[in-house]
Structures are given as C-alpha cells and as structure tokens.
Amino acid sequence: MNSAGCGLAYDNLLNLAEECGFAGHFDFSVIFSKLLQENNVREEFNLYYITERGKTIAENLAHLIPTAIKDKCAVSAARLLELKKIGADFYSKIEPENTGYKFTCGIKNKAGELFSVSLFIKEKQAAEKMQIIFSERPEYIYRTILGMMTGDAGFIL
C-alpha cells in the first residue's frame, strides 16, 4: 500500500497478501481489522489507503522483510495497478456446448480484449464454481496464467 500511490480494494489487498505469502484469508482479515482500528489504514469509498502513521511504521519495519519477498510483491502490485490504470473490466460466462459447458473468462478495456481463456467443462456445477473463483480473484488468475506463459511463475511454486 505504501508504494501503490492509490487506494486499493480489500479483495486486491487480500490477493496480494496471499500471493506474496504474508497471510492467508483468515489471518489477513484479523490483521487488516487491527490496521484499521489502529489508524494505520483508512477507508474511502470501499478503497483503502495507508495513513501517515502506517507509512512510518511500514518504513521502520521494511528491513525485516526479505528482499526476494519485497520484489515478488512489487511485481504483483505493479501488475494489479497496471490493470486498474487501463480500466480493466473482468468478465466470465458459461454456455452449453455439446455434452458439457464452455466456461470463458477474460479481461477487456476500452482498447479491446486483453486476455481471454475458454475451457470445456463436463458438469455445469464445476463451471459455476470456476466462475465464482474467477469473480473473486480475476487479477490473480490473470497473473498466474501470464506468469506461466512468460516463464515468470516463481510466485506460484
């Protein structure tokens, strides 16, 4: 948050914390609640910003975080911010196809299609589960596929 320079949604912060290995879902919610209570983070219109107090604490503790983790988080945050900057719109759909269903998800912006993937799924329930997962973490799925395709998948392993 300190280097983002803009507000981030709770889900984006959670995804970054999980991806960087800082905390799982439950631990993150507890820690984040404390950050809000102690005025290290503030909320405005469902976006969260680091406060001056939070910046000071983050700067004083930064030396405790290994450089490799900081670098990995910086890359992940940069990808997320790039998607926000270009006005990314995440979408998904399920369509009947032959003996199953075609699940499609992707990212669009004003310029057109940035990313799209389609999968054939036998059972509608499985396709619906994929749709829920994509809707909860679209930028993580995008970054994962991009990382795999570019050979920069170290954060997955």
C-alpha atoms as a PDB file:
ATOM      1  CA  MET A   1       0.000   0.000   0.000  1.00  0.00           C
ATOM      2  CA  ASN A   2       2.851   2.322   0.804  1.00  0.00           C
ATOM      3  CA  SER A   3       4.205   2.328  -2.744  1.00  0.00           C
ATOM      4  CA  ALA A   4       0.888   1.947  -4.598  1.00  0.00           C
ATOM      5  CA  GLY A   5       0.085   5.654  -4.626  1.00  0.00           C
ATOM      6  CA  CYS A   6      -3.629   4.954  -4.870  1.00  0.00           C
ATOM      7  CA  GLY A   7      -6.409   3.258  -2.973  1.00  0.00           C
ATOM      8  CA  LEU A   8      -6.871  -0.498  -3.273  1.00  0.00           C
ATOM      9  CA  ALA A   9      -9.952  -2.653  -2.769  1.00  0.00           C
ATOM     10  CA  TYR A  10      -9.971  -5.142   0.104  1.00  0.00           C
ATOM     11  CA  ASP A  11     -10.019  -8.119  -2.301  1.00  0.00           C
ATOM     12  CA  ASN A  12      -6.951  -6.786  -4.109  1.00  0.00           C
ATOM     13  CA  LEU A  13      -5.071  -6.402  -0.830  1.00  0.00           C
ATOM     14  CA  LEU A  14      -6.107  -9.894   0.268  1.00  0.00           C
ATOM     15  CA  ASN A  15      -4.962 -11.393  -3.039  1.00  0.00           C
ATOM     16  CA  LEU A  16      -1.605  -9.631  -2.804  1.00  0.00           C
ATOM     17  CA  ALA A  17      -1.105 -10.787   0.796  1.00  0.00           C
ATOM     18  CA  GLU A  18      -1.893 -14.388  -0.161  1.00  0.00           C
ATOM     19  CA  GLU A  19       0.183 -14.295  -3.329  1.00  0.00           C
ATOM     20  CA  CYS A  20       3.211 -12.869  -1.527  1.00  0.00           C
ATOM     21  CA  GLY A  21       2.878 -15.372   1.298  1.00  0.00           C
ATOM     22  CA  PHE A  22       2.272 -12.790   4.017  1.00  0.00           C
ATOM     23  CA  ALA A  23      -1.022 -14.186   5.291  1.00  0.00           C
ATOM     24  CA  GLY A  24      -3.915 -16.469   4.448  1.00  0.00           C
ATOM     25  CA  HIS A  25      -7.521 -15.304   4.257  1.00  0.00           C
ATOM     26  CA  PHE A  26      -8.363 -15.606   7.966  1.00  0.00           C
ATOM     27  CA  ASP A  27      -5.096 -14.145   9.258  1.00  0.00           C
ATOM     28  CA  PHE A  28      -5.309 -11.286   6.784  1.00  0.00           C
ATOM     29  CA  SER A  29      -8.821 -10.323   7.904  1.00  0.00           C
ATOM     30  CA  VAL A  30      -7.696 -10.210  11.548  1.00  0.00           C
ATOM     31  CA  ILE A  31      -4.533  -8.226  10.792  1.00  0.00           C
ATOM     32  CA  PHE A  32      -6.318  -5.841   8.431  1.00  0.00           C
ATOM     33  CA  SER A  33      -9.009  -5.159  11.023  1.00  0.00           C
ATOM     34  CA  LYS A  34      -6.288  -4.197  13.512  1.00  0.00           C
ATOM     35  CA  LEU A  35      -4.637  -1.930  10.931  1.00  0.00           C
ATOM     36  CA  LEU A  36      -7.943  -0.082  10.513  1.00  0.00           C
ATOM     37  CA  GLN A  37      -8.599   0.129  14.262  1.00  0.00           C
ATOM     38  CA  GLU A  38      -5.115   1.496  14.937  1.00  0.00           C
ATOM     39  CA  ASN A  39      -5.411   4.117  12.183  1.00  0.00           C
ATOM     40  CA  ASN A  40      -2.639   2.641  10.018  1.00  0.00           C
ATOM     41  CA  VAL A  41      -5.078   2.274   7.124  1.00  0.00           C
ATOM     42  CA  ARG A  42      -8.169   4.316   6.259  1.00  0.00           C
ATOM     43  CA  GLU A  43     -11.170   3.578   4.042  1.00  0.00           C
ATOM     44  CA  GLU A  44     -12.741   5.892   1.488  1.00  0.00           C
ATOM     45  CA  PHE A  45     -15.488   4.665  -0.850  1.00  0.00           C
ATOM     46  CA  ASN A  46     -14.512   0.979  -0.439  1.00  0.00           C
ATOM     47  CA  LEU A  47     -10.863   1.720  -1.209  1.00  0.00           C
ATOM     48  CA  TYR A  48      -8.119   1.538   1.390  1.00  0.00           C
ATOM     49  CA  TYR A  49      -5.198   3.917   1.786  1.00  0.00           C
ATOM     50  CA  ILE A  50      -2.195   3.833   4.087  1.00  0.00           C
ATOM     51  CA  THR A  51      -2.115   6.670   6.622  1.00  0.00           C
ATOM     52  CA  GLU A  52       0.957   8.710   7.587  1.00  0.00           C
ATOM     53  CA  ARG A  53       1.166   6.631  10.771  1.00  0.00           C
ATOM     54  CA  GLY A  54       1.015   3.444   8.678  1.00  0.00           C
ATOM     55  CA  LYS A  55       3.725   4.738   6.320  1.00  0.00           C
ATOM     56  CA  THR A  56       6.057   5.471   9.218  1.00  0.00           C
ATOM     57  CA  ILE A  57       5.559   2.014  10.699  1.00  0.00           C
ATOM     58  CA  ALA A  58       5.989   0.328   7.303  1.00  0.00           C
ATOM     59  CA  GLU A  59       9.229   2.218   6.646  1.00  0.00           C
ATOM     60  CA  ASN A  60      10.605   1.321  10.102  1.00  0.00           C
ATOM     61  CA  LEU A  61       9.826  -2.388   9.630  1.00  0.00           C
ATOM     62  CA  ALA A  62      10.742  -2.741   5.940  1.00  0.00           C
ATOM     63  CA  HIS A  63      14.219  -4.099   6.742  1.00  0.00           C
ATOM     64  CA  LEU A  64      12.623  -7.189   8.347  1.00  0.00           C
ATOM     65  CA  ILE A  65      11.098  -8.385   5.058  1.00  0.00           C
ATOM     66  CA  PRO A  66      13.461 -10.378   2.806  1.00  0.00           C
ATOM     67  CA  THR A  67      14.332  -8.655  -0.480  1.00  0.00           C
ATOM     68  CA  ALA A  68      13.010 -11.579  -2.568  1.00  0.00           C
ATOM     69  CA  ILE A  69       9.571 -11.251  -0.976  1.00  0.00           C
ATOM     70  CA  LYS A  70       9.553  -7.475  -1.416  1.00  0.00           C
ATOM     71  CA  ASP A  71      10.496  -7.898  -5.087  1.00  0.00           C
ATOM     72  CA  LYS A  72       7.795 -10.522  -5.665  1.00  0.00           C
ATOM     73  CA  CYS A  73       5.183  -8.285  -4.048  1.00  0.00           C
ATOM     74  CA  ALA A  74       6.329  -5.269  -6.041  1.00  0.00           C
ATOM     75  CA  VAL A  75       5.845  -7.186  -9.314  1.00  0.00           C
ATOM     76  CA  SER A  76       2.395  -8.403  -8.258  1.00  0.00           C
ATOM     77  CA  ALA A  77       1.325  -4.943  -7.125  1.00  0.00           C
ATOM     78  CA  ALA A  78       2.612  -3.382 -10.359  1.00  0.00           C
ATOM     79  CA  ARG A  79       0.528  -5.804 -12.439  1.00  0.00           C
ATOM     80  CA  LEU A  80      -2.569  -5.046 -10.366  1.00  0.00           C
ATOM     81  CA  LEU A  81      -2.034  -1.286 -10.655  1.00  0.00           C
ATOM     82  CA  GLU A  82      -1.489  -1.581 -14.399  1.00  0.00           C
ATOM     83  CA  LEU A  83      -4.839  -3.353 -14.746  1.00  0.00           C
ATOM     84  CA  LYS A  84      -6.529  -0.624 -12.690  1.00  0.00           C
ATOM     85  CA  LYS A  85      -4.849   2.114 -14.731  1.00  0.00           C
ATOM     86  CA  ILE A  86      -6.056   0.775 -18.070  1.00  0.00           C
ATOM     87  CA  GLY A  87      -9.639   0.416 -16.834  1.00  0.00           C
ATOM     88  CA  ALA A  88      -9.732  -3.375 -16.909  1.00  0.00           C
ATOM     89  CA  ASP A  89     -13.170  -4.981 -16.934  1.00  0.00           C
ATOM     90  CA  PHE A  90     -13.303  -8.632 -15.827  1.00  0.00           C
ATOM     91  CA  TYR A  91     -15.973 -10.932 -17.277  1.00  0.00           C
ATOM     92  CA  SER A  92     -16.979 -14.586 -17.312  1.00  0.00           C
ATOM     93  CA  LYS A  93     -19.740 -16.664 -18.879  1.00  0.00           C
ATOM     94  CA  ILE A  94     -20.969 -20.242 -19.147  1.00  0.00           C
ATOM     95  CA  GLU A  95     -22.511 -21.562 -22.358  1.00  0.00           C
ATOM     96  CA  PRO A  96     -23.869 -25.027 -23.170  1.00  0.00           C
ATOM     97  CA  GLU A  97     -21.670 -26.843 -25.676  1.00  0.00           C
ATOM     98  CA  ASN A  98     -22.089 -30.397 -26.993  1.00  0.00           C
ATOM     99  CA  THR A  99     -22.069 -32.717 -23.959  1.00  0.00           C
ATOM    100  CA  GLY A 100     -20.967 -30.109 -21.419  1.00  0.00           C
ATOM    101  CA  TYR A 101     -20.337 -26.417 -20.953  1.00  0.00           C
ATOM    102  CA  LYS A 102     -17.882 -23.825 -22.212  1.00  0.00           C
ATOM    103  CA  PHE A 103     -16.549 -21.581 -19.451  1.00  0.00           C
ATOM    104  CA  THR A 104     -14.978 -18.365 -20.712  1.00  0.00           C
ATOM    105  CA  CYS A 105     -13.352 -15.650 -18.659  1.00  0.00           C
ATOM    106  CA  GLY A 106     -11.247 -12.669 -19.526  1.00  0.00           C
ATOM    107  CA  ILE A 107     -10.315  -9.036 -19.275  1.00  0.00           C
ATOM    108  CA  LYS A 108     -11.349  -6.184 -21.555  1.00  0.00           C
ATOM    109  CA  ASN A 109     -10.667  -2.483 -21.593  1.00  0.00           C
ATOM    110  CA  LYS A 110     -11.523   0.385 -23.944  1.00  0.00           C
ATOM    111  CA  ALA A 111      -8.888  -0.777 -26.435  1.00  0.00           C
ATOM    112  CA  GLY A 112     -10.276  -4.312 -26.638  1.00  0.00           C
ATOM    113  CA  GLU A 113      -9.559  -7.797 -25.352  1.00  0.00           C
ATOM    114  CA  LEU A 114      -6.515  -8.095 -23.067  1.00  0.00           C
ATOM    115  CA  PHE A 115      -6.933 -11.691 -22.003  1.00  0.00           C
ATOM    116  CA  SER A 116      -9.412 -14.492 -22.640  1.00  0.00           C
ATOM    117  CA  VAL A 117      -9.466 -18.196 -21.865  1.00  0.00           C
ATOM    118  CA  SER A 118     -12.115 -20.826 -22.583  1.00  0.00           C
ATOM    119  CA  LEU A 119     -12.365 -24.282 -21.066  1.00  0.00           C
ATOM    120  CA  PHE A 120     -14.658 -27.200 -21.832  1.00  0.00           C
ATOM    121  CA  ILE A 121     -16.217 -28.498 -18.606  1.00  0.00           C
ATOM    122  CA  LYS A 122     -18.397 -31.605 -18.387  1.00  0.00           C
ATOM    123  CA  GLU A 123     -20.518 -30.547 -15.403  1.00  0.00           C
ATOM    124  CA  LYS A 124     -22.313 -27.232 -15.032  1.00  0.00           C
ATOM    125  CA  GLN A 125     -21.667 -27.180 -11.289  1.00  0.00           C
ATOM    126  CA  ALA A 126     -17.898 -27.290 -11.894  1.00  0.00           C
ATOM    127  CA  ALA A 127     -18.178 -24.455 -14.426  1.00  0.00           C
ATOM    128  CA  GLU A 128     -20.206 -22.406 -11.933  1.00  0.00           C
ATOM    129  CA  LYS A 129     -17.515 -22.990  -9.291  1.00  0.00           C
ATOM    130  CA  MET A 130     -14.879 -21.733 -11.747  1.00  0.00           C
ATOM    131  CA  GLN A 131     -16.990 -18.666 -12.420  1.00  0.00           C
ATOM    132  CA  ILE A 132     -17.214 -17.902  -8.690  1.00  0.00           C
ATOM    133  CA  ILE A 133     -13.471 -18.340  -8.218  1.00  0.00           C
ATOM    134  CA  PHE A 134     -12.715 -16.091 -11.200  1.00  0.00           C
ATOM    135  CA  SER A 135     -15.116 -13.407  -9.947  1.00  0.00           C
ATOM    136  CA  GLU A 136     -13.416 -13.439  -6.535  1.00  0.00           C
ATOM    137  CA  ARG A 137      -9.825 -13.283  -7.828  1.00  0.00           C
ATOM    138  CA  PRO A 138      -9.685 -12.300 -11.516  1.00  0.00           C
ATOM    139  CA  GLU A 139      -6.390 -10.436 -11.326  1.00  0.00           C
ATOM    140  CA  TYR A 140      -4.728 -13.368  -9.538  1.00  0.00           C
ATOM    141  CA  ILE A 141      -5.886 -15.809 -12.221  1.00  0.00           C
ATOM    142  CA  TYR A 142      -4.697 -13.411 -14.922  1.00  0.00           C
ATOM    143  CA  ARG A 143      -1.290 -13.014 -13.244  1.00  0.00           C
ATOM    144  CA  THR A 144      -0.991 -16.778 -12.768  1.00  0.00           C
ATOM    145  CA  ILE A 145      -1.653 -17.549 -16.427  1.00  0.00           C
ATOM    146  CA  LEU A 146       0.577 -14.674 -17.551  1.00  0.00           C
ATOM    147  CA  GLY A 147       3.338 -15.925 -15.246  1.00  0.00           C
ATOM    148  CA  MET A 148       3.068 -19.453 -16.598  1.00  0.00           C
ATOM    149  CA  MET A 149       3.086 -18.298 -20.208  1.00  0.00           C
ATOM    150  CA  THR A 150       6.071 -15.945 -19.745  1.00  0.00           C
ATOM    151  CA  GLY A 151       8.093 -18.300 -17.570  1.00  0.00           C
ATOM    152  CA  ASP A 152       7.841 -15.939 -14.601  1.00  0.00           C
ATOM    153  CA  ALA A 153       5.807 -18.270 -12.417  1.00  0.00           C
ATOM    154  CA  GLY A 154       8.004 -18.269  -9.310  1.00  0.00           C
ATOM    155  CA  PHE A 155       5.201 -16.869  -7.150  1.00  0.00           C
ATOM    156  CA  ILE A 156       3.040 -19.926  -7.906  1.00  0.00           C
ATOM    157  CA  LEU A 157       5.534 -22.545  -6.792  1.00  0.00           C
END
